[in-house]
């Protein structure tokens, strides 16, 4: 049996912990069954945003008439787009491996528990006083053996399809539909209800639905009744609330209906480690599982399921394991963005959540047209929505829809992290006429609404 100071199962965000521990002279075993780097750089956030970059350029050309410019797209080399993306992905694993020093030993294979502190990988048994589970998540299985999930897009093998049907209504489905449609691949998005991006604030998702439907062919209230794969094409029978039973054919079929726990291969039944009803690993506020010395970080816990959350957790776990930190990590706020056109960014509670929990609040929705930079986009839909505690000016939630909203949100996040009082956004000096200046009238309106609320008592 090989003995280590630290065993890490999963070479994604937790590989940063292996790098740090190795530099400190710790003997580390890093187990990875696929490619180092994990989902984000290989099959998720990064390659998908590389694709979205091409979509932005294509959409800008298509929409140039809005700026009184007559232009057209002569050709989109979709094969080259995926070749470039695949080339980027091919370099991830060696790039990550190059970061490790001689104290880190990489095991390529599936790690599973024999007991609380013994791991088996490739017929070898490993043990360590500290074990970190960072196995992430995986896509929910597609509805047909020939159908894709997002894992099949990165890297894409074979020919790029000329048409694709995507099933789902969340951010992965929307981002991929946004890309494929923009670069000229005939795209249809199937949504089982009338809502899309259902976890967003209803007012924001309503605007998104209206604008997104202009560039992506969406069939709402639609499910797949039958799938046949004939002559390299998917022949689908769709049940549409508005049209009834209809036939539909496409080259590719992609399911983006969510992600699930990736811990099935760990054989946790050989330990006292507990999982919840969804199969995610239970932990306390210090990332500890029920087994002494075994920790879980990132998506494997099922908590936040975001790359920036996982990276933040790994960084703090490093302080606990390597610096004897005793403080639990408490996320003040957890922002997220959907990198489609239009772009959506959110932090904090939605208005419907505030209503469900009987939280006292005021809300304002303000357009961006006071900013000349925003006006230059010639878009009318961008707005900022604030949900505020009327007693102390605390920002309970902020939701934006509009270009670069993910960048603009960081100004709000800074206020929320330092001293959560929306009056700071009202009183600060803005660069004129930057896009972020659109936050000024939003903050002014929110403060007025609070003062109006307070004066009513």
Protein backbone atom coordinates (compact mmCIF):
# COMPACT_ATOMS: atom_id res chain seq x y z
CA UNK A 1 0.00 0.00 0.00
CA UNK A 2 1.31 3.45 -0.95
CA UNK A 3 1.18 6.12 1.73
CA UNK A 4 0.68 9.81 1.05
CA UNK A 5 0.09 12.97 3.04
CA UNK A 6 -2.88 13.88 0.87
CA UNK A 7 -5.04 12.07 -1.67
CA UNK A 8 -7.23 14.07 -4.03
CA UNK A 9 -9.89 12.33 -6.12
CA UNK A 10 -10.66 14.55 -9.09
CA UNK A 11 -8.21 16.68 -11.05
CA UNK A 12 -10.38 19.72 -11.70
CA UNK A 13 -10.36 22.76 -9.40
CA UNK A 14 -8.83 20.63 -6.65
CA UNK A 15 -5.67 20.24 -8.71
CA UNK A 16 -4.77 23.71 -7.41
CA UNK A 17 -4.65 22.19 -3.93
CA UNK A 18 -2.28 19.48 -5.22
CA UNK A 19 0.01 22.17 -6.64
CA UNK A 20 0.11 24.09 -3.37
CA UNK A 21 0.58 21.01 -1.18
CA UNK A 22 3.33 19.72 -3.45
CA UNK A 23 5.21 23.02 -3.22
CA UNK A 24 5.04 22.74 0.58
CA UNK A 25 6.72 19.35 0.42
CA UNK A 26 3.60 17.26 0.96
CA UNK A 27 3.44 13.89 -0.76
CA UNK A 28 0.27 14.05 -2.87
CA UNK A 29 -1.66 11.48 -4.90
CA UNK A 30 -3.94 13.03 -7.52
CA UNK A 31 -6.45 10.67 -9.11
CA UNK A 32 -8.16 11.61 -12.37
CA UNK A 33 -10.20 9.26 -14.55
CA UNK A 34 -10.42 11.58 -17.54
CA UNK A 35 -8.42 14.73 -18.35
CA UNK A 36 -6.82 17.05 -15.83
CA UNK A 37 -8.61 20.35 -15.38
CA UNK A 38 -12.04 18.83 -14.94
CA UNK A 39 -15.28 19.92 -16.56
CA UNK A 40 -14.71 23.68 -16.74
CA UNK A 41 -11.75 23.98 -19.14
CA UNK A 42 -12.39 20.70 -20.97
CA UNK A 43 -16.16 20.33 -21.35
CA UNK A 44 -17.82 23.37 -19.83
CA UNK A 45 -17.28 27.03 -19.04
CA UNK A 46 -14.17 27.76 -21.10
CA UNK A 47 -14.75 25.99 -24.44
CA UNK A 48 -18.41 27.00 -24.45
CA UNK A 49 -17.41 30.65 -24.06
CA UNK A 50 -14.89 30.27 -26.86
CA UNK A 51 -17.81 29.21 -29.03
CA UNK A 52 -19.97 32.06 -27.75
CA UNK A 53 -17.23 34.45 -28.92
CA UNK A 54 -17.83 33.37 -32.51
CA UNK A 55 -21.57 33.74 -31.98
CA UNK A 56 -21.13 37.34 -30.79
CA UNK A 57 -19.32 38.30 -34.00
CA UNK A 58 -21.87 36.54 -36.21
CA UNK A 59 -24.78 38.19 -34.39
CA UNK A 60 -23.16 41.61 -34.62
CA UNK A 61 -22.98 41.27 -38.41
CA UNK A 62 -26.53 39.97 -38.66
CA UNK A 63 -27.84 42.84 -36.54
CA UNK A 64 -25.78 45.61 -38.15
CA UNK A 65 -28.87 47.16 -39.78
CA UNK A 66 -29.79 48.34 -36.31
CA UNK A 67 -26.81 50.68 -36.70
CA UNK A 68 -27.71 51.65 -40.30
CA UNK A 69 -24.97 49.39 -41.65
CA UNK A 70 -25.79 47.00 -44.48
CA UNK A 71 -23.61 43.90 -44.14
CA UNK A 72 -23.79 40.20 -44.77
CA UNK A 73 -21.93 37.03 -43.89
CA UNK A 74 -20.29 35.40 -46.88
CA UNK A 75 -19.21 32.24 -45.10
CA UNK A 76 -18.82 30.77 -41.63
CA UNK A 77 -16.17 28.06 -41.45
CA UNK A 78 -17.82 25.95 -38.76
CA UNK A 79 -15.28 23.17 -39.20
CA UNK A 80 -12.48 25.63 -38.42
CA UNK A 81 -14.34 26.96 -35.39
CA UNK A 82 -14.52 23.50 -33.86
CA UNK A 83 -10.99 22.67 -34.97
CA UNK A 84 -9.70 25.68 -33.03
CA UNK A 85 -11.80 24.80 -29.99
CA UNK A 86 -10.72 21.16 -30.10
CA UNK A 87 -7.10 22.28 -30.38
CA UNK A 88 -7.48 24.39 -27.25
CA UNK A 89 -9.00 21.48 -25.34
CA UNK A 90 -6.18 19.13 -26.41
CA UNK A 91 -3.66 21.32 -24.58
CA UNK A 92 -5.49 21.45 -21.24
CA UNK A 93 -4.29 18.15 -19.78
CA UNK A 94 -0.54 18.66 -20.43
CA UNK A 95 -0.81 22.28 -19.27
CA UNK A 96 -2.27 21.19 -15.94
CA UNK A 97 0.22 18.35 -15.53
CA UNK A 98 3.14 20.73 -16.07
CA UNK A 99 2.19 22.61 -12.90
CA UNK A 100 2.96 19.72 -10.55
CA UNK A 101 6.35 19.13 -8.99
CA UNK A 102 7.96 15.82 -8.06
CA UNK A 103 5.90 15.56 -4.86
CA UNK A 104 2.66 15.05 -6.80
CA UNK A 105 2.01 11.61 -8.28
CA UNK A 106 -0.78 11.40 -10.84
CA UNK A 107 -2.91 8.26 -11.07
CA UNK A 108 -4.91 7.97 -14.28
CA UNK A 109 -7.92 5.90 -13.38
CA UNK A 110 -11.04 5.59 -11.24
CA UNK A 111 -10.53 5.99 -7.52
CA UNK A 112 -12.86 4.13 -5.18
CA UNK A 113 -13.00 3.61 -1.43
CA UNK A 114 -12.09 0.27 0.13
CA UNK A 115 -12.57 1.77 3.58
CA UNK A 116 -12.74 5.22 5.15
CA UNK A 117 -9.09 6.00 4.46
CA UNK A 118 -8.00 3.54 1.78
CA UNK A 119 -8.46 4.22 -1.93
CA UNK A 120 -8.07 1.73 -4.75
CA UNK A 121 -7.02 2.90 -8.23
CA UNK A 122 -5.68 0.72 -11.06
CA UNK A 123 -5.34 -2.24 -8.67
CA UNK A 124 -3.14 -0.16 -6.34
CA UNK A 125 -4.14 0.73 -2.80
CA UNK A 126 -3.41 4.22 -1.47
CA UNK A 127 -3.89 5.74 1.96
CA UNK A 128 -3.46 9.17 3.54
CA UNK A 129 -4.58 10.98 6.71
CA UNK A 130 -6.31 13.53 4.48
CA UNK A 131 -8.49 12.65 1.49
CA UNK A 132 -10.33 15.19 -0.65
CA UNK A 133 -13.26 14.22 -2.86
CA UNK A 134 -13.65 16.62 -5.78
CA UNK A 135 -15.39 14.47 -8.37
CA UNK A 136 -17.75 17.14 -9.74
CA UNK A 137 -20.91 16.27 -11.64
CA UNK A 138 -21.87 14.76 -14.97
CA UNK A 139 -24.69 15.46 -17.45
CA UNK A 140 -27.97 13.67 -17.03
CA UNK A 141 -27.99 10.90 -19.62
CA UNK A 142 -29.33 11.69 -23.08
CA UNK A 143 -32.64 10.19 -24.20
CA UNK A 144 -31.07 8.13 -27.00
CA UNK A 145 -27.76 6.29 -27.31
CA UNK A 146 -26.82 8.32 -30.39
CA UNK A 147 -27.84 11.64 -28.83
CA UNK A 148 -25.32 14.02 -27.28
CA UNK A 149 -24.82 15.71 -23.97
CA UNK A 150 -22.52 18.70 -23.52
CA UNK A 151 -19.67 16.23 -22.92
CA UNK A 152 -19.94 15.19 -26.58
CA UNK A 153 -19.49 18.73 -27.86
CA UNK A 154 -16.08 19.22 -26.24
CA UNK A 155 -14.17 18.00 -28.10
CA UNK A 156 -16.51 17.48 -31.03
CA UNK A 157 -15.61 14.33 -32.97
CA UNK A 158 -16.68 13.85 -36.54
CA UNK A 159 -18.49 16.29 -38.81
CA UNK A 160 -20.24 19.39 -37.54
CA UNK A 161 -24.01 18.87 -37.98
CA UNK A 162 -25.99 21.04 -40.34
CA UNK A 163 -28.98 20.91 -38.01
CA UNK A 164 -29.38 20.27 -34.29
CA UNK A 165 -32.24 19.84 -31.85
CA UNK A 166 -31.51 20.77 -28.25
CA UNK A 167 -33.63 19.65 -25.29
CA UNK A 168 -33.59 21.85 -22.20
CA UNK A 169 -34.45 25.26 -20.79
CA UNK A 170 -31.49 26.02 -18.52
CA UNK A 171 -28.30 27.96 -19.11
CA UNK A 172 -26.38 25.14 -20.83
CA UNK A 173 -29.20 24.52 -23.33
CA UNK A 174 -29.60 28.23 -23.99
CA UNK A 175 -25.89 28.95 -24.40
CA UNK A 176 -25.43 26.09 -26.87
CA UNK A 177 -28.58 26.99 -28.78
CA UNK A 178 -27.39 30.59 -28.93
CA UNK A 179 -24.08 29.48 -30.45
CA UNK A 180 -25.35 26.94 -32.97
CA UNK A 181 -28.07 29.25 -34.21
CA UNK A 182 -25.71 32.21 -34.56
CA UNK A 183 -23.19 30.35 -36.74
CA UNK A 184 -25.83 29.19 -39.19
CA UNK A 185 -26.59 25.67 -38.00
CA UNK A 186 -30.33 25.07 -38.14
CA UNK A 187 -31.25 24.95 -34.47
CA UNK A 188 -34.43 24.07 -32.63
CA UNK A 189 -34.73 24.29 -28.85
CA UNK A 190 -37.38 22.13 -27.20
CA UNK A 191 -38.78 23.43 -23.91
CA UNK A 192 -41.34 21.37 -22.00
CA UNK A 193 -43.12 24.41 -20.46
CA UNK A 194 -43.62 28.09 -21.24
CA UNK A 195 -40.70 29.17 -19.06
CA UNK A 196 -37.07 29.39 -20.03
CA UNK A 197 -34.24 30.11 -17.56
CA UNK A 198 -36.79 29.29 -14.89
CA UNK A 199 -34.40 29.89 -11.98
CA UNK A 200 -34.02 33.56 -12.88
CA UNK A 201 -36.21 36.36 -11.61
CA UNK A 202 -39.53 36.10 -13.49
CA UNK A 203 -39.35 39.63 -14.83
CA UNK A 204 -35.86 39.03 -16.23
CA UNK A 205 -36.68 35.61 -17.68
CA UNK A 206 -39.75 37.13 -19.36
CA UNK A 207 -37.58 39.73 -21.12
CA UNK A 208 -35.07 37.01 -21.98
CA UNK A 209 -37.76 34.80 -23.49
CA UNK A 210 -38.97 37.60 -25.75
CA UNK A 211 -35.51 38.62 -26.96
CA UNK A 212 -33.97 35.14 -27.17
CA UNK A 213 -36.89 33.89 -29.27
CA UNK A 214 -35.95 36.43 -31.95
CA UNK A 215 -32.72 34.58 -32.77
CA UNK A 216 -33.41 30.99 -31.68
CA UNK A 217 -36.25 28.78 -32.90
CA UNK A 218 -37.93 27.60 -29.69
CA UNK A 219 -40.85 25.22 -29.36
CA UNK A 220 -42.45 25.71 -25.97
CA UNK A 221 -44.77 23.20 -24.26
CA UNK A 222 -43.14 20.46 -26.31
CA UNK A 223 -41.82 17.01 -25.44
CA UNK A 224 -40.31 14.17 -27.47
CA UNK A 225 -42.62 11.18 -27.78
CA UNK A 226 -40.38 8.96 -29.91
CA UNK A 227 -36.86 8.93 -31.35
CA UNK A 228 -35.62 6.95 -34.34
CA UNK A 229 -32.08 7.20 -35.71
CA UNK A 230 -32.22 6.44 -39.43
CA UNK A 231 -29.60 7.18 -42.11
CA UNK A 232 -27.52 9.28 -39.75
CA UNK A 233 -30.46 11.48 -38.83
CA UNK A 234 -32.80 11.75 -35.87
CA UNK A 235 -36.46 11.33 -36.74
CA UNK A 236 -38.46 12.72 -33.84
CA UNK A 237 -42.12 12.62 -32.95
CA UNK A 238 -42.90 15.74 -30.95
CA UNK A 239 -45.93 16.41 -28.79
CA UNK A 240 -46.60 20.13 -28.94
CA UNK A 241 -49.36 21.76 -26.90
CA UNK A 242 -50.05 24.24 -29.69
CA UNK A 243 -49.56 21.99 -32.74
CA UNK A 244 -50.29 18.50 -31.47
CA UNK A 245 -48.20 15.57 -32.73
CA UNK A 246 -45.59 16.71 -35.28
CA UNK A 247 -42.60 15.14 -37.00
CA UNK A 248 -39.16 16.73 -36.86
CA UNK A 249 -35.78 15.69 -38.29
CA UNK A 250 -32.26 16.87 -37.46
CA UNK A 251 -28.66 15.72 -37.84
CA UNK A 252 -27.89 15.96 -34.13
CA UNK A 253 -29.88 15.70 -30.93
CA UNK A 254 -28.44 17.18 -27.75
CA UNK A 255 -29.82 16.87 -24.23
CA UNK A 256 -29.01 19.63 -21.75
CA UNK A 257 -31.48 18.77 -19.02
CA UNK A 258 -29.26 19.15 -15.97
CA UNK A 259 -26.35 17.54 -14.17
CA UNK A 260 -26.19 14.90 -11.47
CA UNK A 261 -23.85 13.51 -8.84
CA UNK A 262 -20.66 11.95 -10.15
CA UNK A 263 -19.90 9.90 -7.03
CA UNK A 264 -21.33 6.54 -8.13
CA UNK A 265 -17.88 5.06 -8.84
CA UNK A 266 -16.51 5.99 -5.39
CA UNK A 267 -18.11 2.98 -3.66
CA UNK A 268 -19.07 5.08 -0.67
CA UNK A 269 -20.97 2.08 0.69
CA UNK A 270 -17.56 0.87 1.94
CA UNK A 271 -17.34 3.94 4.18
CA UNK A 272 -19.46 5.83 6.69
CA UNK A 273 -19.66 8.80 4.30
CA UNK A 274 -23.25 9.93 3.85
CA UNK A 275 -25.06 11.22 0.77
CA UNK A 276 -28.31 13.12 0.37
CA UNK A 277 -31.37 11.99 -1.58
CA UNK A 278 -29.80 13.23 -4.84
CA UNK A 279 -26.56 11.32 -4.29
CA UNK A 280 -24.44 14.32 -3.32
CA UNK A 281 -22.02 13.99 -0.42
CA UNK A 282 -22.99 15.51 2.90
CA UNK A 283 -20.47 17.74 4.67
CA UNK A 284 -20.21 20.20 7.53
CA UNK A 285 -19.15 23.83 7.39
CA UNK A 286 -15.46 22.82 7.31
CA UNK A 287 -15.98 20.56 4.27
CA UNK A 288 -15.70 17.43 6.48
CA UNK A 289 -17.67 14.30 5.65
CA UNK A 290 -18.80 11.76 8.26
CA UNK A 291 -15.45 9.97 7.83
CA UNK A 292 -12.59 11.56 9.76
CA UNK A 293 -10.01 13.16 7.49
CA UNK A 294 -12.20 12.93 4.37
CA UNK A 295 -13.37 16.21 2.83
CA UNK A 296 -15.57 17.15 -0.11
CA UNK A 297 -15.43 20.32 -2.21
CA UNK A 298 -17.07 21.70 -5.32
CA UNK A 299 -19.98 20.21 -7.22
CA UNK A 300 -19.61 16.83 -5.49
CA UNK A 301 -21.39 18.40 -2.50
CA UNK A 302 -24.26 19.62 -4.69
CA UNK A 303 -24.20 23.03 -3.05
CA UNK A 304 -23.47 25.72 -5.62
CA UNK A 305 -22.49 23.87 -8.81
CA UNK A 306 -20.47 26.78 -10.20
CA UNK A 307 -16.79 26.87 -11.15
CA UNK A 308 -16.07 30.06 -9.24
CA UNK A 309 -17.67 28.56 -6.14
CA UNK A 310 -15.58 25.39 -6.45
CA UNK A 311 -12.35 27.36 -6.90
CA UNK A 312 -13.20 29.49 -3.86
CA UNK A 313 -13.91 26.38 -1.79
CA UNK A 314 -10.68 24.67 -2.83
CA UNK A 315 -8.71 27.76 -1.88
CA UNK A 316 -10.29 27.83 1.57
CA UNK A 317 -9.88 24.09 2.08
CA UNK A 318 -6.19 24.60 1.37
CA UNK A 319 -6.05 27.03 4.29
CA UNK A 320 -7.76 24.46 6.53
CA UNK A 321 -5.49 21.57 5.55
CA UNK A 322 -2.20 23.39 5.06
CA UNK A 323 -2.42 26.49 7.26
CA UNK A 324 -4.42 25.14 10.21
CA UNK A 325 -7.30 27.54 9.54
CA UNK A 326 -10.29 26.87 11.80
CA UNK A 327 -12.73 29.29 10.21
CA UNK A 328 -15.56 27.91 8.05
CA UNK A 329 -16.12 29.39 4.62
CA UNK A 330 -19.31 31.39 4.38
CA UNK A 331 -20.34 32.68 0.98
CA UNK A 332 -21.91 36.09 1.39
CA UNK A 333 -23.38 36.02 -2.09
CA UNK A 334 -23.26 33.68 -5.06
CA UNK A 335 -23.48 35.40 -8.46
CA UNK A 336 -23.90 33.70 -11.80
CA UNK A 337 -24.26 34.61 -15.47
CA UNK A 338 -25.80 33.13 -18.59
CA UNK A 339 -23.58 33.98 -21.55
CA UNK A 340 -26.20 34.09 -24.26
CA UNK A 341 -27.55 36.95 -26.33
CA UNK A 342 -29.05 38.60 -24.39
CA UNK A 343 -26.69 38.09 -21.46
CA UNK A 344 -28.21 37.57 -18.01
CA UNK A 345 -26.50 38.02 -14.64
CA UNK A 346 -27.91 37.57 -11.15
CA UNK A 347 -26.96 37.64 -7.49
CA UNK A 348 -29.06 37.18 -4.37
CA UNK A 349 -32.75 36.40 -4.18
CA UNK A 350 -35.37 36.77 -6.88
CA UNK A 351 -38.60 38.65 -6.27
CA UNK A 352 -40.58 35.43 -6.29
CA UNK A 353 -38.25 34.03 -3.60
CA UNK A 354 -38.77 37.14 -1.48
CA UNK A 355 -42.53 36.66 -1.79
CA UNK A 356 -42.37 32.94 -0.96
CA UNK A 357 -40.37 33.62 2.19
CA UNK A 358 -42.41 36.68 3.22
CA UNK A 359 -39.32 38.89 3.14
CA UNK A 360 -39.95 42.60 3.45
CA UNK A 361 -38.58 44.32 0.34
CA UNK A 362 -38.93 47.03 -2.27
CA UNK A 363 -38.01 46.54 -5.90
CA UNK A 364 -37.16 48.73 -8.88
CA UNK A 365 -36.50 47.95 -12.54
CA UNK A 366 -34.53 50.58 -14.45
CA UNK A 367 -33.46 50.67 -18.09
CA UNK A 368 -29.92 51.50 -19.16
CA UNK A 369 -30.75 54.37 -21.50
CA UNK A 370 -29.22 57.04 -19.27
CA UNK A 371 -25.81 55.68 -20.32
CA UNK A 372 -24.60 56.88 -23.71
CA UNK A 373 -22.51 53.71 -24.05
CA UNK A 374 -25.66 51.68 -23.50
CA UNK A 375 -27.55 53.88 -25.96
CA UNK A 376 -24.87 53.17 -28.56
CA UNK A 377 -25.90 49.51 -28.61
CA UNK A 378 -29.31 50.63 -29.92
CA UNK A 379 -30.95 48.02 -27.69
CA UNK A 380 -34.07 48.92 -25.72
CA UNK A 381 -34.48 45.85 -23.51
CA UNK A 382 -31.47 46.05 -21.07
CA UNK A 383 -32.56 46.63 -17.46
CA UNK A 384 -31.28 46.38 -13.91
CA UNK A 385 -33.60 45.08 -11.22
CA UNK A 386 -32.87 45.64 -7.55
CA UNK A 387 -34.55 43.94 -4.60
CA UNK A 388 -33.76 45.93 -1.46
CA UNK A 389 -34.35 45.66 2.27
CA UNK A 390 -36.25 48.93 2.92
CA UNK A 391 -35.15 49.08 6.54
CA UNK A 392 -31.38 49.19 6.03
CA UNK A 393 -30.76 49.69 2.26
CA UNK A 394 -29.27 46.19 1.95
CA UNK A 395 -29.19 44.74 -1.57
CA UNK A 396 -31.06 41.44 -1.31
CA UNK A 397 -30.88 40.72 -5.02
CA UNK A 398 -29.71 42.27 -8.25
CA UNK A 399 -30.64 41.01 -11.70
CA UNK A 400 -29.46 42.36 -15.04
CA UNK A 401 -30.13 41.59 -18.66
CA UNK A 402 -28.01 43.29 -21.27
CA UNK A 403 -24.58 43.34 -22.95
CA UNK A 404 -21.65 42.77 -20.56
CA UNK A 405 -24.00 42.42 -17.60
CA UNK A 406 -21.57 39.87 -16.10
CA UNK A 407 -18.91 42.59 -16.04
CA UNK A 408 -21.23 45.30 -14.73
CA UNK A 409 -22.40 43.08 -11.88
CA UNK A 410 -18.96 43.14 -10.29
CA UNK A 411 -19.52 46.76 -9.30
CA UNK A 412 -22.62 45.68 -7.38
CA UNK A 413 -20.77 42.68 -5.93
CA UNK A 414 -18.01 44.92 -4.58
CA UNK A 415 -20.57 46.99 -2.69
CA UNK A 416 -22.33 43.87 -1.40
CA UNK A 417 -19.10 42.32 -0.13
CA UNK A 418 -17.66 45.42 1.52
CA UNK A 419 -20.63 47.26 3.00
CA UNK A 420 -23.95 46.19 1.58
CA UNK A 421 -25.73 49.51 1.25
CA UNK A 422 -27.14 50.58 -2.09
CA UNK A 423 -26.58 54.23 -1.20
CA UNK A 424 -22.89 53.69 -2.03
CA UNK A 425 -23.87 52.97 -5.64
CA UNK A 426 -25.91 56.17 -5.66
CA UNK A 427 -23.15 58.34 -4.20
CA UNK A 428 -20.07 57.04 -6.02
CA UNK A 429 -18.41 58.74 -8.99
CA UNK A 430 -18.87 57.01 -12.34
CA UNK A 431 -16.83 57.33 -15.51
CA UNK A 432 -19.00 59.12 -18.05
CA UNK A 433 -20.40 57.73 -20.29
CA UNK A 434 -19.30 54.17 -19.45
CA UNK A 435 -21.73 51.28 -19.60
CA UNK A 436 -21.56 50.92 -15.81
CA UNK A 437 -23.07 54.39 -15.52
CA UNK A 438 -26.39 52.67 -16.16
CA UNK A 439 -26.19 51.56 -12.52
CA UNK A 440 -26.43 55.14 -11.27
CA UNK A 441 -30.09 55.82 -12.17
CA UNK A 442 -30.93 52.30 -10.99
CA UNK A 443 -29.42 53.05 -7.57
CA UNK A 444 -31.04 56.50 -7.43
CA UNK A 445 -34.45 55.00 -8.21
CA UNK A 446 -33.97 52.27 -5.60
CA UNK A 447 -33.08 54.77 -2.88
CA UNK A 448 -36.12 56.88 -3.79
CA UNK A 449 -38.34 53.82 -3.54
CA UNK A 450 -36.94 53.01 -0.10
CA UNK A 451 -37.51 56.57 1.10
CA UNK A 452 -41.05 56.45 -0.26
CA UNK A 453 -41.62 53.19 1.58
CA UNK A 454 -40.21 54.56 4.83
CA UNK A 455 -42.28 57.74 4.64
CA UNK A 456 -45.48 55.72 4.36
CA UNK A 457 -45.15 54.59 8.01
